[in-house]
N, C-alpha and C. Protein backbone atom coordinates (compact mmCIF):
# COMPACT_ATOMS: atom_id res chain seq x y z
N MET A 1 98.18 99.86 115.67
CA MET A 1 98.11 99.27 114.07
C MET A 1 97.35 100.15 113.18
N THR A 2 97.71 100.02 111.76
CA THR A 2 97.15 100.59 110.98
C THR A 2 96.30 99.21 109.85
N ILE A 3 95.15 100.04 109.59
CA ILE A 3 94.69 98.60 108.37
C ILE A 3 94.14 99.50 107.50
N TRP A 4 95.09 98.79 106.12
CA TRP A 4 94.70 99.48 104.86
C TRP A 4 94.16 98.93 104.01
N SER A 5 93.37 99.96 103.16
CA SER A 5 92.11 99.16 102.08
C SER A 5 93.37 98.63 101.14
N SER A 6 92.63 97.75 100.12
CA SER A 6 93.52 96.88 98.98
C SER A 6 94.41 97.95 98.48
N VAL A 7 93.54 98.78 98.06
CA VAL A 7 94.53 100.70 97.39
C VAL A 7 95.93 101.17 98.37
N GLU A 8 95.26 101.33 99.15
CA GLU A 8 96.07 101.53 100.06
C GLU A 8 97.64 101.36 100.85
N PHE A 9 97.54 99.76 100.69
CA PHE A 9 98.34 98.78 100.66
C PHE A 9 99.06 98.30 99.87
N GLU A 10 99.02 98.70 98.53
CA GLU A 10 99.64 98.09 96.84
C GLU A 10 100.21 99.77 97.24
N GLU A 11 99.70 101.03 96.97
CA GLU A 11 100.28 102.36 97.35
C GLU A 11 101.65 102.33 98.04
N ASN A 12 101.14 101.64 99.89
CA ASN A 12 102.48 101.65 100.49
C ASN A 12 103.10 100.71 99.84
N LEU A 13 103.06 99.89 99.79
CA LEU A 13 104.23 99.02 99.39
C LEU A 13 104.89 99.54 97.73
N ARG A 14 104.18 100.01 97.37
CA ARG A 14 105.23 101.14 96.05
C ARG A 14 106.30 101.59 96.88
N LEU A 15 105.48 102.60 97.69
CA LEU A 15 106.15 103.63 97.83
C LEU A 15 107.31 102.69 98.52
N ARG A 16 107.12 101.62 100.09
CA ARG A 16 108.09 101.67 100.94
C ARG A 16 108.62 99.94 100.17
N GLY A 17 108.14 99.29 99.42
CA GLY A 17 109.07 98.41 98.73
C GLY A 17 108.95 97.72 97.65
N GLU A 18 108.55 98.87 96.66
CA GLU A 18 108.14 97.96 95.34
C GLU A 18 109.75 96.56 94.70
N TYR A 19 110.75 97.43 95.24
CA TYR A 19 111.46 95.80 94.94
C TYR A 19 111.02 94.40 95.81
N LEU A 20 110.45 94.54 96.70
CA LEU A 20 110.10 93.30 97.44
C LEU A 20 108.93 92.91 96.82
N LEU A 21 108.04 93.81 96.00
CA LEU A 21 106.66 93.16 95.09
C LEU A 21 107.19 92.33 94.44
N HIS A 22 108.25 93.30 93.60
CA HIS A 22 108.81 92.11 92.23
C HIS A 22 109.39 91.03 92.84
N ARG A 23 109.84 90.64 94.12
CA ARG A 23 110.39 90.07 94.06
C ARG A 23 109.38 88.75 94.27
N PHE A 24 108.17 89.42 95.34
CA PHE A 24 107.07 88.41 95.79
C PHE A 24 106.36 87.55 94.07
N VAL A 25 106.29 89.01 93.32
CA VAL A 25 105.64 87.88 92.24
C VAL A 25 106.57 87.62 91.77
N ARG A 26 107.62 87.36 91.36
CA ARG A 26 108.81 86.28 90.75
C ARG A 26 108.63 84.90 91.65
N GLY A 27 107.91 85.23 92.56
CA GLY A 27 107.92 83.70 93.36
C GLY A 27 108.97 83.62 93.97
N VAL A 28 109.79 84.38 94.79
CA VAL A 28 110.63 84.78 95.69
C VAL A 28 109.97 84.41 96.91
N GLU A 29 110.97 82.90 97.91
CA GLU A 29 109.71 83.00 99.19
C GLU A 29 110.65 83.83 99.83
N PHE A 30 109.55 84.10 101.01
CA PHE A 30 109.75 85.23 101.88
C PHE A 30 110.07 84.46 103.18
N PRO A 31 111.18 84.70 104.24
CA PRO A 31 111.72 83.77 105.38
C PRO A 31 110.67 84.25 106.17
N GLU A 32 110.18 83.22 107.38
CA GLU A 32 109.41 83.57 108.45
C GLU A 32 109.94 84.48 109.50
N ALA A 33 111.87 84.28 109.55
CA ALA A 33 112.02 84.76 111.26
C ALA A 33 112.29 85.85 111.14
N GLU A 34 112.26 86.96 112.08
CA GLU A 34 112.44 87.95 112.34
C GLU A 34 113.53 88.67 111.46
N ALA A 35 114.71 88.06 111.87
CA ALA A 35 115.54 88.26 112.28
C ALA A 35 116.19 88.32 110.26
N GLU A 36 115.59 87.00 109.69
CA GLU A 36 115.56 86.69 108.11
C GLU A 36 114.67 87.87 107.73
N ILE A 37 113.50 88.16 108.46
CA ILE A 37 113.13 88.59 107.50
C ILE A 37 113.40 89.96 106.92
N ARG A 38 114.46 90.62 108.44
CA ARG A 38 115.18 92.14 108.10
C ARG A 38 116.05 92.11 107.02
N LYS A 39 116.97 91.01 107.04
CA LYS A 39 118.17 90.97 106.54
C LYS A 39 117.35 90.58 104.82
N PHE A 40 116.10 90.07 104.43
CA PHE A 40 115.69 89.75 102.99
C PHE A 40 115.56 91.20 103.11
N VAL A 41 114.73 92.15 103.67
CA VAL A 41 114.08 93.55 103.41
C VAL A 41 115.58 94.13 102.80
N ASP A 42 116.56 94.04 103.09
CA ASP A 42 117.44 95.00 103.52
C ASP A 42 118.31 94.42 102.60
N ASP A 43 118.56 93.07 101.47
CA ASP A 43 119.04 92.52 100.41
C ASP A 43 118.48 92.94 99.44
N LEU A 44 119.11 93.69 98.19
CA LEU A 44 118.31 94.55 97.19
C LEU A 44 119.38 93.88 95.71
N PRO A 45 119.33 91.95 96.32
CA PRO A 45 120.24 91.53 94.89
C PRO A 45 119.91 92.04 93.22
N ASP A 46 118.79 92.50 93.22
CA ASP A 46 118.22 92.66 91.83
C ASP A 46 118.65 93.98 91.11
N LEU A 47 119.15 94.72 91.77
CA LEU A 47 119.46 96.18 91.40
C LEU A 47 120.62 96.42 90.70
N SER A 48 120.30 96.81 89.72
CA SER A 48 121.50 97.25 89.22
C SER A 48 122.44 98.51 89.73
N ASP A 49 123.50 99.03 89.31
CA ASP A 49 124.28 100.21 90.09
C ASP A 49 122.88 101.31 89.41
N ALA A 50 122.88 101.31 88.17
CA ALA A 50 121.74 102.33 87.97
C ALA A 50 120.60 102.63 88.52
N ASP A 51 119.94 101.15 88.66
CA ASP A 51 118.68 101.47 89.41
C ASP A 51 119.41 102.33 90.62
N ALA A 52 119.50 101.47 91.63
CA ALA A 52 120.41 101.90 92.99
C ALA A 52 120.66 103.92 92.91
N LEU A 53 120.98 104.32 91.84
CA LEU A 53 121.61 105.54 92.14
C LEU A 53 120.20 106.03 91.56
N GLY A 54 119.67 105.92 91.49
CA GLY A 54 118.46 106.25 90.47
C GLY A 54 117.56 106.43 91.74
N LEU A 55 117.71 105.34 92.64
CA LEU A 55 116.62 105.87 93.96
C LEU A 55 117.25 106.59 95.38
N MET A 56 118.72 106.66 94.48
CA MET A 56 119.50 107.55 96.10
C MET A 56 119.20 108.78 95.34
N ALA A 57 118.81 108.80 94.00
CA ALA A 57 118.59 110.38 93.98
C ALA A 57 118.08 111.46 94.09
N ALA A 58 116.51 110.12 94.62
CA ALA A 58 115.56 110.80 94.71
C ALA A 58 115.95 111.79 96.63
N VAL A 59 116.88 111.57 97.26
CA VAL A 59 116.97 112.13 98.23
C VAL A 59 117.83 113.43 98.11
N PHE A 60 117.97 113.71 97.18
CA PHE A 60 117.72 115.56 96.59
C PHE A 60 117.40 115.90 96.60
N GLY A 61 115.75 115.53 96.01
CA GLY A 61 114.96 116.20 95.61
C GLY A 61 114.48 117.15 96.62
N ARG A 62 114.88 117.90 97.34
CA ARG A 62 114.27 118.57 98.39
C ARG A 62 114.60 120.40 98.03
N PRO A 63 113.67 121.49 98.75
CA PRO A 63 113.91 122.20 98.70
C PRO A 63 115.92 123.16 98.88
N ALA A 64 115.91 122.31 100.40
CA ALA A 64 117.45 122.45 100.77
C ALA A 64 118.82 122.00 99.81
N PHE A 65 118.53 121.34 98.70
CA PHE A 65 119.28 121.38 97.46
C PHE A 65 119.00 122.05 96.11
N ARG A 66 118.30 122.62 96.05
CA ARG A 66 117.60 123.94 95.46
C ARG A 66 117.82 125.33 95.50
N THR A 67 116.82 125.58 96.64
CA THR A 67 117.24 126.72 97.19
C THR A 67 118.70 127.59 96.97
N PRO A 68 118.42 129.03 96.73
CA PRO A 68 120.43 129.24 96.40
C PRO A 68 120.33 129.19 98.45
N PHE A 69 121.52 129.47 99.19
CA PHE A 69 121.87 129.16 100.87
C PHE A 69 121.05 130.35 101.17
N GLN A 70 121.35 131.66 100.37
CA GLN A 70 121.29 133.35 101.04
C GLN A 70 119.92 133.37 101.19
N GLN A 71 119.13 132.57 100.58
CA GLN A 71 117.19 132.54 100.68
C GLN A 71 117.10 131.51 101.60
N GLU A 72 117.93 130.64 101.94
CA GLU A 72 116.98 129.58 103.39
C GLU A 72 116.96 130.75 104.14
N SER A 73 115.65 129.93 104.76
CA SER A 73 115.06 130.72 105.29
C SER A 73 115.00 130.20 106.95
N SER A 74 115.60 128.98 107.36
CA SER A 74 116.07 128.49 108.57
C SER A 74 116.78 126.99 108.22
N LEU A 75 118.41 128.16 109.01
CA LEU A 75 119.34 127.09 109.17
C LEU A 75 119.11 125.95 109.76
N PRO A 76 118.20 125.42 110.86
CA PRO A 76 118.10 124.35 111.55
C PRO A 76 117.69 123.29 110.59
N ALA A 77 116.08 123.39 109.68
CA ALA A 77 115.65 123.36 108.73
C ALA A 77 116.82 122.36 107.64
N PHE A 78 117.61 123.17 107.32
CA PHE A 78 118.91 123.28 106.09
C PHE A 78 119.21 122.09 106.82
N GLN A 79 120.08 122.67 108.26
CA GLN A 79 120.49 121.22 108.57
C GLN A 79 120.52 120.01 108.56
N GLN A 80 119.12 119.85 109.15
CA GLN A 80 118.46 118.65 109.30
C GLN A 80 118.30 118.08 107.98
N ALA A 81 117.82 118.70 106.69
CA ALA A 81 117.97 118.12 105.73
C ALA A 81 119.15 117.58 105.13
N VAL A 82 120.02 118.70 105.35
CA VAL A 82 121.65 117.39 105.05
C VAL A 82 121.97 116.33 105.59
N GLU A 83 121.64 116.46 106.91
CA GLU A 83 121.38 115.28 107.59
C GLU A 83 120.57 114.23 107.77
N ASP A 84 119.35 114.60 107.00
CA ASP A 84 118.25 113.37 106.73
C ASP A 84 119.34 112.74 105.48
N THR A 85 120.02 113.73 104.60
CA THR A 85 120.22 112.86 103.42
C THR A 85 121.65 112.03 103.21
N ILE A 86 121.98 112.56 104.23
CA ILE A 86 123.10 111.27 104.62
C ILE A 86 123.11 110.10 105.30
N GLY A 87 122.07 110.63 106.09
CA GLY A 87 121.61 108.86 106.59
C GLY A 87 120.97 108.24 105.64
N ALA A 88 120.00 108.85 104.69
CA ALA A 88 119.51 108.24 103.63
C ALA A 88 120.71 107.03 102.96
N LEU A 89 121.76 108.21 102.98
CA LEU A 89 122.79 107.52 101.50
C LEU A 89 123.41 106.20 102.16
N ASN A 90 123.84 106.81 103.43
CA ASN A 90 124.78 105.88 104.16
C ASN A 90 124.19 104.17 104.64
N PRO A 91 123.21 104.32 105.36
CA PRO A 91 122.18 103.00 105.68
C PRO A 91 121.10 102.45 105.11
N GLY A 92 120.61 103.81 103.93
CA GLY A 92 119.84 103.77 103.13
C GLY A 92 118.11 103.50 103.91
N VAL A 93 118.35 104.23 104.79
CA VAL A 93 116.64 104.58 105.28
C VAL A 93 116.63 105.84 105.35
N TRP A 94 115.21 106.32 104.30
CA TRP A 94 114.68 107.69 104.34
C TRP A 94 114.26 108.16 105.49
N ARG A 95 114.29 109.19 105.65
CA ARG A 95 113.39 109.52 106.90
C ARG A 95 112.93 110.69 106.81
N THR A 96 111.96 110.98 107.07
CA THR A 96 111.02 112.31 107.24
C THR A 96 111.77 113.10 108.28
N ARG A 97 111.87 114.55 108.03
CA ARG A 97 111.87 115.51 109.09
C ARG A 97 112.12 114.79 110.53
N GLU A 98 110.54 114.02 110.78
CA GLU A 98 110.35 113.75 112.08
C GLU A 98 111.00 112.27 112.96
N GLY A 99 111.50 111.87 111.76
CA GLY A 99 112.03 110.56 111.60
C GLY A 99 111.19 109.00 111.40
N THR A 100 109.95 109.16 110.41
CA THR A 100 109.11 108.26 110.47
C THR A 100 109.67 107.71 109.03
N GLU A 101 110.03 106.63 108.87
CA GLU A 101 110.83 106.15 107.64
C GLU A 101 109.92 106.12 106.38
N ILE A 102 110.73 107.57 105.38
CA ILE A 102 109.48 107.11 103.95
C ILE A 102 109.85 105.75 103.49
N ARG A 103 111.12 105.52 102.86
CA ARG A 103 111.19 103.80 102.18
C ARG A 103 112.67 103.82 102.60
N ARG A 104 113.06 102.33 102.36
CA ARG A 104 114.27 102.10 102.31
C ARG A 104 114.72 102.02 100.67
N ILE A 105 116.20 102.67 100.79
CA ILE A 105 116.71 102.84 99.79
C ILE A 105 118.14 102.16 99.78
N PRO A 106 118.81 102.08 98.10
CA PRO A 106 120.13 101.23 98.50
C PRO A 106 121.29 101.89 99.50
N SER A 107 121.92 101.41 99.87
CA SER A 107 122.91 102.52 100.82
C SER A 107 124.35 102.29 99.80
N ILE A 108 125.69 102.97 100.01
CA ILE A 108 126.43 102.85 99.17
C ILE A 108 127.19 101.91 98.99
N HIS A 109 126.67 100.50 100.17
CA HIS A 109 127.70 99.38 100.38
C HIS A 109 126.47 98.66 98.88
N HIS A 110 125.93 98.77 98.62
CA HIS A 110 125.12 98.43 97.88
C HIS A 110 125.65 98.78 95.91
N ILE A 111 126.53 99.36 95.96
CA ILE A 111 126.97 99.71 94.61
C ILE A 111 128.07 98.38 94.56
N ARG A 112 128.04 98.24 93.30
CA ARG A 112 129.19 96.95 92.89
C ARG A 112 130.19 98.08 92.50
N ASP A 113 130.05 98.89 91.30
CA ASP A 113 130.83 99.09 90.75
C ASP A 113 131.80 100.37 91.67
N GLN A 114 133.35 99.77 91.71
CA GLN A 114 134.34 100.50 93.13
C GLN A 114 134.35 102.19 92.87
N ARG A 115 134.58 102.33 91.58
CA ARG A 115 134.75 103.96 90.87
C ARG A 115 133.47 104.33 91.18
N VAL A 116 132.22 103.89 90.70
CA VAL A 116 130.67 104.95 91.27
C VAL A 116 130.63 104.79 92.93
N ARG A 117 130.76 103.78 93.47
CA ARG A 117 131.16 104.38 95.04
C ARG A 117 132.44 105.01 95.91
N THR A 118 133.55 105.00 95.06
CA THR A 118 134.30 106.23 95.39
C THR A 118 133.56 107.62 95.53
N VAL A 119 133.22 107.71 94.17
CA VAL A 119 132.50 109.41 93.78
C VAL A 119 131.59 109.35 94.99
N LEU A 120 130.51 108.41 94.89
CA LEU A 120 129.01 108.73 95.92
C LEU A 120 129.74 108.84 97.17
N ALA A 121 130.81 108.19 97.59
CA ALA A 121 131.32 108.70 99.05
C ALA A 121 132.30 109.97 98.84
N GLN A 122 132.30 110.12 98.10
CA GLN A 122 132.81 111.57 97.75
C GLN A 122 131.56 112.73 98.17
N VAL A 123 130.83 112.73 97.32
CA VAL A 123 129.41 113.50 97.48
C VAL A 123 129.08 113.12 98.76
N VAL A 124 128.83 112.20 99.65
CA VAL A 124 128.60 111.85 100.61
C VAL A 124 129.21 113.06 101.92
N ARG A 125 130.75 113.43 101.69
CA ARG A 125 131.54 113.55 101.48
C ARG A 125 131.72 115.47 101.84
N GLN A 126 130.96 115.98 100.38
CA GLN A 126 130.61 116.89 100.15
C GLN A 126 129.77 117.26 100.61
N VAL A 127 128.84 116.84 100.85
CA VAL A 127 127.06 117.03 101.63
C VAL A 127 127.70 117.36 102.18
N ASP A 128 128.43 116.45 103.35
CA ASP A 128 128.81 116.50 104.66
C ASP A 128 129.59 118.18 105.48
N GLU A 129 130.43 118.46 104.30
CA GLU A 129 131.14 119.38 104.57
C GLU A 129 130.83 120.68 104.65
């Protein structure tokens, strides 16, 4: 169990579930049952496609996508970064290299515009290749 002060709680809530905080402030009632809570957390109904893409873009802000491949010092670390990125974009769970959840982000399936979803699926395929 981890106990957070009010400031730590706010920081963690903003990092991991800012959209939940917005829904709470707007008076959206949170469910009681565990399965319903999980569904509620994974649902991002108020996010526009542009907002969702903005959150998804953050997974590309890592050295693996900025460092020229010839200068990459660790091929296993590079491969893990690629796998982590694909894992974040598909199910919407962004994790550290060790597997700790960083935050939930929209997945490809949250994108409403079919054209944008198709392009995003191509990006995932290209990263995978």
